Amino acid sequence: MSERRDEIINILKCHFAERNGINLPIFGVDQANLSQFTTTEKDMKRGQSKFPPSQFRLREEDVLRESETQMIKAEIIDAGALESVMDDYQGNLQLRS
């Protein structure tokens, strides 16, 4: 693991918060094998996302203090992440054809 891992992750969190006005969701899971949280191309074709459930969200990693409204917005963005990824995936498929 990189010696600068924490610094890199902190920079990513800060830039995401600055650009989007919400916290970058950071998740923590106990499993060493992350396959149940890894969305494959096959999953994407079926419209499935293996995004970790919100109970695994590490709120202590947040850089912004979130109001209730911001937390709801973040949940909507989390739920909409699959749709955005699917759009990107479909666009990439068209470019490859």
PDB file of N, CA and C in Angstrom:
ATOM      1  N   MET A   1       0.834  -1.168   0.000  1.00  0.00           N
ATOM      2  CA  MET A   1       0.000   0.000   0.000  1.00  0.00           C
ATOM      3  C   MET A   1       0.891   1.247   0.000  1.00  0.00           C
ATOM      4  N   SER A   2       0.468   2.270  -0.696  1.00  0.00           N
ATOM      5  CA  SER A   2       1.245   3.500  -0.814  1.00  0.00           C
ATOM      6  C   SER A   2       1.360   4.219   0.530  1.00  0.00           C
ATOM      7  N   GLU A   3       2.532   4.796   0.774  1.00  0.00           N
ATOM      8  CA  GLU A   3       2.737   5.577   1.991  1.00  0.00           C
ATOM      9  C   GLU A   3       1.872   6.827   1.975  1.00  0.00           C
ATOM     10  N   ARG A   4       1.513   7.271   0.786  1.00  0.00           N
ATOM     11  CA  ARG A   4       0.737   8.498   0.645  1.00  0.00           C
ATOM     12  C   ARG A   4      -0.747   8.234   0.445  1.00  0.00           C
ATOM     13  N   ARG A   5      -1.195   7.016   0.695  1.00  0.00           N
ATOM     14  CA  ARG A   5      -2.584   6.620   0.470  1.00  0.00           C
ATOM     15  C   ARG A   5      -3.566   7.564   1.147  1.00  0.00           C
ATOM     16  N   ASP A   6      -3.401   7.810   2.447  1.00  0.00           N
ATOM     17  CA  ASP A   6      -4.330   8.667   3.182  1.00  0.00           C
ATOM     18  C   ASP A   6      -4.359  10.083   2.612  1.00  0.00           C
ATOM     19  N   GLU A   7      -3.190  10.582   2.237  1.00  0.00           N
ATOM     20  CA  GLU A   7      -3.109  11.923   1.664  1.00  0.00           C
ATOM     21  C   GLU A   7      -3.850  11.985   0.323  1.00  0.00           C
ATOM     22  N   ILE A   8      -3.668  10.970  -0.505  1.00  0.00           N
ATOM     23  CA  ILE A   8      -4.333  10.929  -1.814  1.00  0.00           C
ATOM     24  C   ILE A   8      -5.846  10.852  -1.646  1.00  0.00           C
ATOM     25  N   ILE A   9      -6.311   9.994  -0.761  1.00  0.00           N
ATOM     26  CA  ILE A   9      -7.747   9.853  -0.533  1.00  0.00           C
ATOM     27  C   ILE A   9      -8.327  11.157   0.011  1.00  0.00           C
ATOM     28  N   ASN A  10      -7.616  11.814   0.912  1.00  0.00           N
ATOM     29  CA  ASN A  10      -8.096  13.078   1.462  1.00  0.00           C
ATOM     30  C   ASN A  10      -8.202  14.151   0.375  1.00  0.00           C
ATOM     31  N   ILE A  11      -7.236  14.199  -0.526  1.00  0.00           N
ATOM     32  CA  ILE A  11      -7.286  15.159  -1.636  1.00  0.00           C
ATOM     33  C   ILE A  11      -8.494  14.875  -2.525  1.00  0.00           C
ATOM     34  N   LEU A  12      -8.733  13.603  -2.823  1.00  0.00           N
ATOM     35  CA  LEU A  12      -9.904  13.232  -3.634  1.00  0.00           C
ATOM     36  C   LEU A  12     -11.204  13.647  -2.952  1.00  0.00           C
ATOM     37  N   LYS A  13     -11.312  13.393  -1.653  1.00  0.00           N
ATOM     38  CA  LYS A  13     -12.530  13.760  -0.905  1.00  0.00           C
ATOM     39  C   LYS A  13     -12.749  15.270  -0.932  1.00  0.00           C
ATOM     40  N   CYS A  14     -11.684  16.034  -0.729  1.00  0.00           N
ATOM     41  CA  CYS A  14     -11.795  17.503  -0.696  1.00  0.00           C
ATOM     42  C   CYS A  14     -12.186  18.061  -2.059  1.00  0.00           C
ATOM     43  N   HIS A  15     -11.570  17.567  -3.118  1.00  0.00           N
ATOM     44  CA  HIS A  15     -11.912  18.059  -4.462  1.00  0.00           C
ATOM     45  C   HIS A  15     -13.336  17.687  -4.849  1.00  0.00           C
ATOM     46  N   PHE A  16     -13.762  16.494  -4.500  1.00  0.00           N
ATOM     47  CA  PHE A  16     -15.136  16.076  -4.789  1.00  0.00           C
ATOM     48  C   PHE A  16     -16.122  16.983  -4.062  1.00  0.00           C
ATOM     49  N   ALA A  17     -15.872  17.241  -2.784  1.00  0.00           N
ATOM     50  CA  ALA A  17     -16.762  18.092  -1.990  1.00  0.00           C
ATOM     51  C   ALA A  17     -16.792  19.508  -2.548  1.00  0.00           C
ATOM     52  N   GLU A  18     -15.642  20.024  -2.937  1.00  0.00           N
ATOM     53  CA  GLU A  18     -15.566  21.377  -3.489  1.00  0.00           C
ATOM     54  C   GLU A  18     -16.336  21.484  -4.803  1.00  0.00           C
ATOM     55  N   ARG A  19     -16.200  20.488  -5.628  1.00  0.00           N
ATOM     56  CA  ARG A  19     -16.833  20.518  -6.955  1.00  0.00           C
ATOM     57  C   ARG A  19     -18.335  20.239  -6.909  1.00  0.00           C
ATOM     58  N   ASN A  20     -18.753  19.320  -6.024  1.00  0.00           N
ATOM     59  CA  ASN A  20     -20.150  18.864  -6.014  1.00  0.00           C
ATOM     60  C   ASN A  20     -20.983  19.396  -4.851  1.00  0.00           C
ATOM     61  N   GLY A  21     -20.336  19.960  -3.842  1.00  0.00           N
ATOM     62  CA  GLY A  21     -21.070  20.484  -2.694  1.00  0.00           C
ATOM     63  C   GLY A  21     -21.574  19.415  -1.737  1.00  0.00           C
ATOM     64  N   ILE A  22     -21.145  18.189  -1.954  1.00  0.00           N
ATOM     65  CA  ILE A  22     -21.502  17.084  -1.057  1.00  0.00           C
ATOM     66  C   ILE A  22     -20.255  16.242  -0.820  1.00  0.00           C
ATOM     67  N   ASN A  23     -20.339  15.369   0.161  1.00  0.00           N
ATOM     68  CA  ASN A  23     -19.210  14.493   0.473  1.00  0.00           C
ATOM     69  C   ASN A  23     -19.108  13.331  -0.499  1.00  0.00           C
ATOM     70  N   LEU A  24     -17.880  12.935  -0.781  1.00  0.00           N
ATOM     71  CA  LEU A  24     -17.631  11.715  -1.536  1.00  0.00           C
ATOM     72  C   LEU A  24     -17.955  10.549  -0.610  1.00  0.00           C
ATOM     73  N   PRO A  25     -18.887   9.687  -0.988  1.00  0.00           N
ATOM     74  CA  PRO A  25     -19.215   8.578  -0.089  1.00  0.00           C
ATOM     75  C   PRO A  25     -18.063   7.572  -0.009  1.00  0.00           C
ATOM     76  N   ILE A  26     -17.610   7.324   1.207  1.00  0.00           N
ATOM     77  CA  ILE A  26     -16.555   6.354   1.470  1.00  0.00           C
ATOM     78  C   ILE A  26     -17.204   5.194   2.224  1.00  0.00           C
ATOM     79  N   PHE A  27     -16.922   3.980   1.778  1.00  0.00           N
ATOM     80  CA  PHE A  27     -17.536   2.802   2.371  1.00  0.00           C
ATOM     81  C   PHE A  27     -16.476   1.915   3.012  1.00  0.00           C
ATOM     82  N   GLY A  28     -16.883   1.196   4.038  1.00  0.00           N
ATOM     83  CA  GLY A  28     -16.017   0.234   4.699  1.00  0.00           C
ATOM     84  C   GLY A  28     -16.753  -1.084   4.844  1.00  0.00           C
ATOM     85  N   VAL A  29     -16.140  -2.137   4.374  1.00  0.00           N
ATOM     86  CA  VAL A  29     -16.731  -3.473   4.489  1.00  0.00           C
ATOM     87  C   VAL A  29     -15.711  -4.405   5.128  1.00  0.00           C
ATOM     88  N   ASP A  30     -16.215  -5.430   5.804  1.00  0.00           N
ATOM     89  CA  ASP A  30     -15.352  -6.368   6.522  1.00  0.00           C
ATOM     90  C   ASP A  30     -14.716  -7.429   5.629  1.00  0.00           C
ATOM     91  N   GLN A  31     -15.331  -7.701   4.481  1.00  0.00           N
ATOM     92  CA  GLN A  31     -14.866  -8.787   3.632  1.00  0.00           C
ATOM     93  C   GLN A  31     -13.550  -8.422   2.937  1.00  0.00           C
ATOM     94  N   ALA A  32     -12.651  -9.378   2.881  1.00  0.00           N
ATOM     95  CA  ALA A  32     -11.400  -9.186   2.144  1.00  0.00           C
ATOM     96  C   ALA A  32     -11.659  -9.281   0.642  1.00  0.00           C
ATOM     97  N   ASN A  33     -12.613 -10.103   0.246  1.00  0.00           N
ATOM     98  CA  ASN A  33     -12.988 -10.264  -1.153  1.00  0.00           C
ATOM     99  C   ASN A  33     -14.156  -9.320  -1.445  1.00  0.00           C
ATOM    100  N   LEU A  34     -13.941  -8.372  -2.338  1.00  0.00           N
ATOM    101  CA  LEU A  34     -14.958  -7.349  -2.625  1.00  0.00           C
ATOM    102  C   LEU A  34     -15.844  -7.704  -3.810  1.00  0.00           C
ATOM    103  N   SER A  35     -15.851  -8.952  -4.229  1.00  0.00           N
ATOM    104  CA  SER A  35     -16.608  -9.334  -5.420  1.00  0.00           C
ATOM    105  C   SER A  35     -18.103  -9.048  -5.285  1.00  0.00           C
ATOM    106  N   GLN A  36     -18.648  -9.132  -4.091  1.00  0.00           N
ATOM    107  CA  GLN A  36     -20.081  -8.855  -3.949  1.00  0.00           C
ATOM    108  C   GLN A  36     -20.378  -7.357  -4.061  1.00  0.00           C
ATOM    109  N   PHE A  37     -19.343  -6.518  -4.078  1.00  0.00           N
ATOM    110  CA  PHE A  37     -19.520  -5.072  -4.232  1.00  0.00           C
ATOM    111  C   PHE A  37     -18.886  -4.564  -5.522  1.00  0.00           C
ATOM    112  N   THR A  38     -18.533  -5.464  -6.435  1.00  0.00           N
ATOM    113  CA  THR A  38     -17.905  -5.091  -7.697  1.00  0.00           C
ATOM    114  C   THR A  38     -18.894  -5.324  -8.828  1.00  0.00           C
ATOM    115  N   THR A  39     -19.295  -4.237  -9.489  1.00  0.00           N
ATOM    116  CA  THR A  39     -20.229  -4.334 -10.600  1.00  0.00           C
ATOM    117  C   THR A  39     -19.446  -4.647 -11.868  1.00  0.00           C
ATOM    118  N   THR A  40     -19.777  -5.762 -12.488  1.00  0.00           N
ATOM    119  CA  THR A  40     -19.094  -6.178 -13.717  1.00  0.00           C
ATOM    120  C   THR A  40     -19.844  -5.642 -14.936  1.00  0.00           C
ATOM    121  N   GLU A  41     -19.232  -5.777 -16.116  1.00  0.00           N
ATOM    122  CA  GLU A  41     -19.910  -5.371 -17.349  1.00  0.00           C
ATOM    123  C   GLU A  41     -21.184  -6.184 -17.545  1.00  0.00           C
ATOM    124  N   LYS A  42     -21.126  -7.461 -17.204  1.00  0.00           N
ATOM    125  CA  LYS A  42     -22.300  -8.329 -17.318  1.00  0.00           C
ATOM    126  C   LYS A  42     -23.427  -7.818 -16.412  1.00  0.00           C
ATOM    127  N   ASP A  43     -23.079  -7.388 -15.191  1.00  0.00           N
ATOM    128  CA  ASP A  43     -24.076  -6.818 -14.277  1.00  0.00           C
ATOM    129  C   ASP A  43     -24.684  -5.553 -14.879  1.00  0.00           C
ATOM    130  N   MET A  44     -23.815  -4.710 -15.470  1.00  0.00           N
ATOM    131  CA  MET A  44     -24.281  -3.460 -16.062  1.00  0.00           C
ATOM    132  C   MET A  44     -25.271  -3.727 -17.189  1.00  0.00           C
ATOM    133  N   LYS A  45     -24.989  -4.725 -18.006  1.00  0.00           N
ATOM    134  CA  LYS A  45     -25.895  -5.066 -19.111  1.00  0.00           C
ATOM    135  C   LYS A  45     -27.266  -5.472 -18.582  1.00  0.00           C
ATOM    136  N   ARG A  46     -27.284  -6.089 -17.407  1.00  0.00           N
ATOM    137  CA  ARG A  46     -28.541  -6.507 -16.778  1.00  0.00           C
ATOM    138  C   ARG A  46     -29.171  -5.399 -15.950  1.00  0.00           C
ATOM    139  N   GLY A  47     -28.497  -4.231 -15.868  1.00  0.00           N
ATOM    140  CA  GLY A  47     -29.031  -3.106 -15.097  1.00  0.00           C
ATOM    141  C   GLY A  47     -28.854  -3.286 -13.604  1.00  0.00           C
ATOM    142  N   GLN A  48     -27.857  -4.072 -13.203  1.00  0.00           N
ATOM    143  CA  GLN A  48     -27.616  -4.328 -11.783  1.00  0.00           C
ATOM    144  C   GLN A  48     -26.408  -3.543 -11.297  1.00  0.00           C
ATOM    145  N   SER A  49     -26.504  -3.092 -10.055  1.00  0.00           N
ATOM    146  CA  SER A  49     -25.380  -2.407  -9.425  1.00  0.00           C
ATOM    147  C   SER A  49     -25.076  -3.096  -8.116  1.00  0.00           C
ATOM    148  N   LYS A  50     -23.805  -3.268  -7.837  1.00  0.00           N
ATOM    149  CA  LYS A  50     -23.397  -3.877  -6.575  1.00  0.00           C
ATOM    150  C   LYS A  50     -22.785  -2.819  -5.668  1.00  0.00           C
ATOM    151  N   PHE A  51     -23.298  -1.579  -5.794  1.00  0.00           N
ATOM    152  CA  PHE A  51     -22.865  -0.483  -4.949  1.00  0.00           C
ATOM    153  C   PHE A  51     -23.136  -0.865  -3.498  1.00  0.00           C
ATOM    154  N   PRO A  52     -22.196  -0.636  -2.589  1.00  0.00           N
ATOM    155  CA  PRO A  52     -22.417  -1.034  -1.186  1.00  0.00           C
ATOM    156  C   PRO A  52     -23.638  -0.343  -0.583  1.00  0.00           C
ATOM    157  N   PRO A  53     -24.388  -1.024   0.261  1.00  0.00           N
ATOM    158  CA  PRO A  53     -25.540  -0.416   0.928  1.00  0.00           C
ATOM    159  C   PRO A  53     -25.104   0.739   1.841  1.00  0.00           C
ATOM    160  N   SER A  54     -26.013   1.666   2.090  1.00  0.00           N
ATOM    161  CA  SER A  54     -25.691   2.866   2.870  1.00  0.00           C
ATOM    162  C   SER A  54     -25.237   2.556   4.293  1.00  0.00           C
ATOM    163  N   GLN A  55     -25.591   1.391   4.831  1.00  0.00           N
ATOM    164  CA  GLN A  55     -25.144   1.061   6.198  1.00  0.00           C
ATOM    165  C   GLN A  55     -23.631   0.881   6.284  1.00  0.00           C
ATOM    166  N   PHE A  56     -22.971   0.696   5.132  1.00  0.00           N
ATOM    167  CA  PHE A  56     -21.513   0.571   5.112  1.00  0.00           C
ATOM    168  C   PHE A  56     -20.802   1.912   4.918  1.00  0.00           C
ATOM    169  N   ARG A  57     -21.592   2.970   4.783  1.00  0.00           N
ATOM    170  CA  ARG A  57     -21.012   4.312   4.578  1.00  0.00           C
ATOM    171  C   ARG A  57     -20.296   4.767   5.840  1.00  0.00           C
ATOM    172  N   LEU A  58     -19.067   5.263   5.675  1.00  0.00           N
ATOM    173  CA  LEU A  58     -18.263   5.758   6.800  1.00  0.00           C
ATOM    174  C   LEU A  58     -18.423   7.267   6.895  1.00  0.00           C
ATOM    175  N   ARG A  59     -19.396   7.715   7.655  1.00  0.00           N
ATOM    176  CA  ARG A  59     -19.687   9.150   7.783  1.00  0.00           C
ATOM    177  C   ARG A  59     -18.529   9.910   8.428  1.00  0.00           C
ATOM    178  N   GLU A  60     -17.702   9.239   9.224  1.00  0.00           N
ATOM    179  CA  GLU A  60     -16.560   9.906   9.852  1.00  0.00           C
ATOM    180  C   GLU A  60     -15.517  10.329   8.822  1.00  0.00           C
ATOM    181  N   GLU A  61     -15.616   9.824   7.596  1.00  0.00           N
ATOM    182  CA  GLU A  61     -14.713  10.203   6.511  1.00  0.00           C
ATOM    183  C   GLU A  61     -15.165  11.473   5.787  1.00  0.00           C
ATOM    184  N   ASP A  62     -16.374  11.958   6.093  1.00  0.00           N
ATOM    185  CA  ASP A  62     -16.905  13.146   5.435  1.00  0.00           C
ATOM    186  C   ASP A  62     -16.066  14.372   5.756  1.00  0.00           C
ATOM    187  N   VAL A  63     -15.895  15.252   4.771  1.00  0.00           N
ATOM    188  CA  VAL A  63     -15.154  16.498   4.990  1.00  0.00           C
ATOM    189  C   VAL A  63     -16.103  17.675   5.207  1.00  0.00           C
ATOM    190  N   LEU A  64     -17.357  17.541   4.782  1.00  0.00           N
ATOM    191  CA  LEU A  64     -18.372  18.568   4.989  1.00  0.00           C
ATOM    192  C   LEU A  64     -19.371  18.102   6.025  1.00  0.00           C
ATOM    193  N   ARG A  65     -19.824  19.019   6.859  1.00  0.00           N
ATOM    194  CA  ARG A  65     -20.924  18.697   7.770  1.00  0.00           C
ATOM    195  C   ARG A  65     -22.196  18.789   6.946  1.00  0.00           C
ATOM    196  N   GLU A  66     -22.955  17.731   6.911  1.00  0.00           N
ATOM    197  CA  GLU A  66     -24.130  17.681   6.051  1.00  0.00           C
ATOM    198  C   GLU A  66     -25.412  17.936   6.834  1.00  0.00           C
ATOM    199  N   SER A  67     -26.255  18.778   6.253  1.00  0.00           N
ATOM    200  CA  SER A  67     -27.591  18.977   6.799  1.00  0.00           C
ATOM    201  C   SER A  67     -28.464  17.817   6.325  1.00  0.00           C
ATOM    202  N   GLU A  68     -29.678  17.761   6.823  1.00  0.00           N
ATOM    203  CA  GLU A  68     -30.601  16.706   6.385  1.00  0.00           C
ATOM    204  C   GLU A  68     -30.816  16.774   4.875  1.00  0.00           C
ATOM    205  N   THR A  69     -30.956  17.983   4.340  1.00  0.00           N
ATOM    206  CA  THR A  69     -31.184  18.152   2.907  1.00  0.00           C
ATOM    207  C   THR A  69     -30.014  17.622   2.103  1.00  0.00           C
ATOM    208  N   GLN A  70     -28.800  17.928   2.547  1.00  0.00           N
ATOM    209  CA  GLN A  70     -27.624  17.443   1.832  1.00  0.00           C
ATOM    210  C   GLN A  70     -27.536  15.924   1.911  1.00  0.00           C
ATOM    211  N   MET A  71     -27.899  15.345   3.055  1.00  0.00           N
ATOM    212  CA  MET A  71     -27.851  13.889   3.193  1.00  0.00           C
ATOM    213  C   MET A  71     -28.841  13.235   2.243  1.00  0.00           C
ATOM    214  N   ILE A  72     -30.030  13.826   2.107  1.00  0.00           N
ATOM    215  CA  ILE A  72     -31.024  13.287   1.176  1.00  0.00           C
ATOM    216  C   ILE A  72     -30.504  13.405  -0.249  1.00  0.00           C
ATOM    217  N   LYS A  73     -29.904  14.571  -0.592  1.00  0.00           N
ATOM    218  CA  LYS A  73     -29.327  14.766  -1.921  1.00  0.00           C
ATOM    219  C   LYS A  73     -28.252  13.717  -2.192  1.00  0.00           C
ATOM    220  N   ALA A  74     -27.422  13.441  -1.203  1.00  0.00           N
ATOM    221  CA  ALA A  74     -26.363  12.445  -1.361  1.00  0.00           C
ATOM    222  C   ALA A  74     -26.954  11.064  -1.602  1.00  0.00           C
ATOM    223  N   GLU A  75     -28.031  10.724  -0.894  1.00  0.00           N
ATOM    224  CA  GLU A  75     -28.673   9.423  -1.097  1.00  0.00           C
ATOM    225  C   GLU A  75     -29.252   9.331  -2.502  1.00  0.00           C
ATOM    226  N   ILE A  76     -29.828  10.433  -3.006  1.00  0.00           N
ATOM    227  CA  ILE A  76     -30.380  10.445  -4.357  1.00  0.00           C
ATOM    228  C   ILE A  76     -29.258  10.251  -5.365  1.00  0.00           C
ATOM    229  N   ILE A  77     -28.129  10.924  -5.138  1.00  0.00           N
ATOM    230  CA  ILE A  77     -26.986  10.770  -6.035  1.00  0.00           C
ATOM    231  C   ILE A  77     -26.470   9.343  -5.992  1.00  0.00           C
ATOM    232  N   ASP A  78     -26.377   8.749  -4.783  1.00  0.00           N
ATOM    233  CA  ASP A  78     -25.944   7.353  -4.672  1.00  0.00           C
ATOM    234  C   ASP A  78     -26.872   6.450  -5.474  1.00  0.00           C
ATOM    235  N   ALA A  79     -28.191   6.688  -5.345  1.00  0.00           N
ATOM    236  CA  ALA A  79     -29.160   5.859  -6.052  1.00  0.00           C
ATOM    237  C   ALA A  79     -29.087   6.105  -7.554  1.00  0.00           C
ATOM    238  N   GLY A  80     -28.768   7.336  -7.964  1.00  0.00           N
ATOM    239  CA  GLY A  80     -28.689   7.666  -9.376  1.00  0.00           C
ATOM    240  C   GLY A  80     -27.362   7.326 -10.014  1.00  0.00           C
ATOM    241  N   ALA A  81     -26.418   6.894  -9.203  1.00  0.00           N
ATOM    242  CA  ALA A  81     -25.088   6.589  -9.734  1.00  0.00           C
ATOM    243  C   ALA A  81     -25.150   5.491 -10.786  1.00  0.00           C
ATOM    244  N   LEU A  82     -25.965   4.492 -10.561  1.00  0.00           N
ATOM    245  CA  LEU A  82     -26.083   3.396 -11.523  1.00  0.00           C
ATOM    246  C   LEU A  82     -26.587   3.910 -12.862  1.00  0.00           C
ATOM    247  N   GLU A  83     -27.595   4.778 -12.828  1.00  0.00           N
ATOM    248  CA  GLU A  83     -28.146   5.300 -14.078  1.00  0.00           C
ATOM    249  C   GLU A  83     -27.082   6.059 -14.870  1.00  0.00           C
ATOM    250  N   SER A  84     -26.296   6.871 -14.179  1.00  0.00           N
ATOM    251  CA  SER A  84     -25.232   7.624 -14.827  1.00  0.00           C
ATOM    252  C   SER A  84     -24.171   6.696 -15.407  1.00  0.00           C
ATOM    253  N   VAL A  85     -23.796   5.698 -14.644  1.00  0.00           N
ATOM    254  CA  VAL A  85     -22.795   4.737 -15.109  1.00  0.00           C
ATOM    255  C   VAL A  85     -23.325   3.970 -16.307  1.00  0.00           C
ATOM    256  N   MET A  86     -24.596   3.605 -16.266  1.00  0.00           N
ATOM    257  CA  MET A  86     -25.203   2.885 -17.384  1.00  0.00           C
ATOM    258  C   MET A  86     -25.187   3.741 -18.644  1.00  0.00           C
ATOM    259  N   ASP A  87     -25.497   5.042 -18.511  1.00  0.00           N
ATOM    260  CA  ASP A  87     -25.460   5.940 -19.662  1.00  0.00           C
ATOM    261  C   ASP A  87     -24.054   5.978 -20.245  1.00  0.00           C
ATOM    262  N   ASP A  88     -23.047   6.109 -19.389  1.00  0.00           N
ATOM    263  CA  ASP A  88     -21.659   6.118 -19.850  1.00  0.00           C
ATOM    264  C   ASP A  88     -21.311   4.798 -20.530  1.00  0.00           C
ATOM    265  N   TYR A  89     -21.765   3.714 -19.950  1.00  0.00           N
ATOM    266  CA  TYR A  89     -21.482   2.384 -20.497  1.00  0.00           C
ATOM    267  C   TYR A  89     -22.110   2.245 -21.888  1.00  0.00           C
ATOM    268  N   GLN A  90     -23.371   2.661 -22.007  1.00  0.00           N
ATOM    269  CA  GLN A  90     -24.051   2.562 -23.295  1.00  0.00           C
ATOM    270  C   GLN A  90     -23.353   3.427 -24.342  1.00  0.00           C
ATOM    271  N   GLY A  91     -22.913   4.615 -23.945  1.00  0.00           N
ATOM    272  CA  GLY A  91     -22.178   5.486 -24.857  1.00  0.00           C
ATOM    273  C   GLY A  91     -20.874   4.864 -25.301  1.00  0.00           C
ATOM    274  N   ASN A  92     -20.169   4.232 -24.369  1.00  0.00           N
ATOM    275  CA  ASN A  92     -18.911   3.559 -24.712  1.00  0.00           C
ATOM    276  C   ASN A  92     -19.157   2.394 -25.657  1.00  0.00           C
ATOM    277  N   LEU A  93     -20.233   1.657 -25.445  1.00  0.00           N
ATOM    278  CA  LEU A  93     -20.548   0.551 -26.353  1.00  0.00           C
ATOM    279  C   LEU A  93     -20.782   1.064 -27.758  1.00  0.00           C
ATOM    280  N   GLN A  94     -21.500   2.182 -27.883  1.00  0.00           N
ATOM    281  CA  GLN A  94     -21.768   2.743 -29.209  1.00  0.00           C
ATOM    282  C   GLN A  94     -20.478   3.192 -29.878  1.00  0.00           C
ATOM    283  N   LEU A  95     -19.570   3.771 -29.105  1.00  0.00           N
ATOM    284  CA  LEU A  95     -18.300   4.203 -29.670  1.00  0.00           C
ATOM    285  C   LEU A  95     -17.463   3.026 -30.160  1.00  0.00           C
ATOM    286  N   ARG A  96     -17.561   1.905 -29.478  1.00  0.00           N
ATOM    287  CA  ARG A  96     -16.789   0.724 -29.850  1.00  0.00           C
ATOM    288  C   ARG A  96     -17.332   0.058 -31.111  1.00  0.00           C
ATOM    289  N   SER A  97     -18.624   0.273 -31.392  1.00  0.00           N
ATOM    290  CA  SER A  97     -19.262  -0.386 -32.558  1.00  0.00           C
ATOM    291  C   SER A  97     -18.847   0.243 -33.850  1.00  0.00           C
TER     292      SER A  97
END
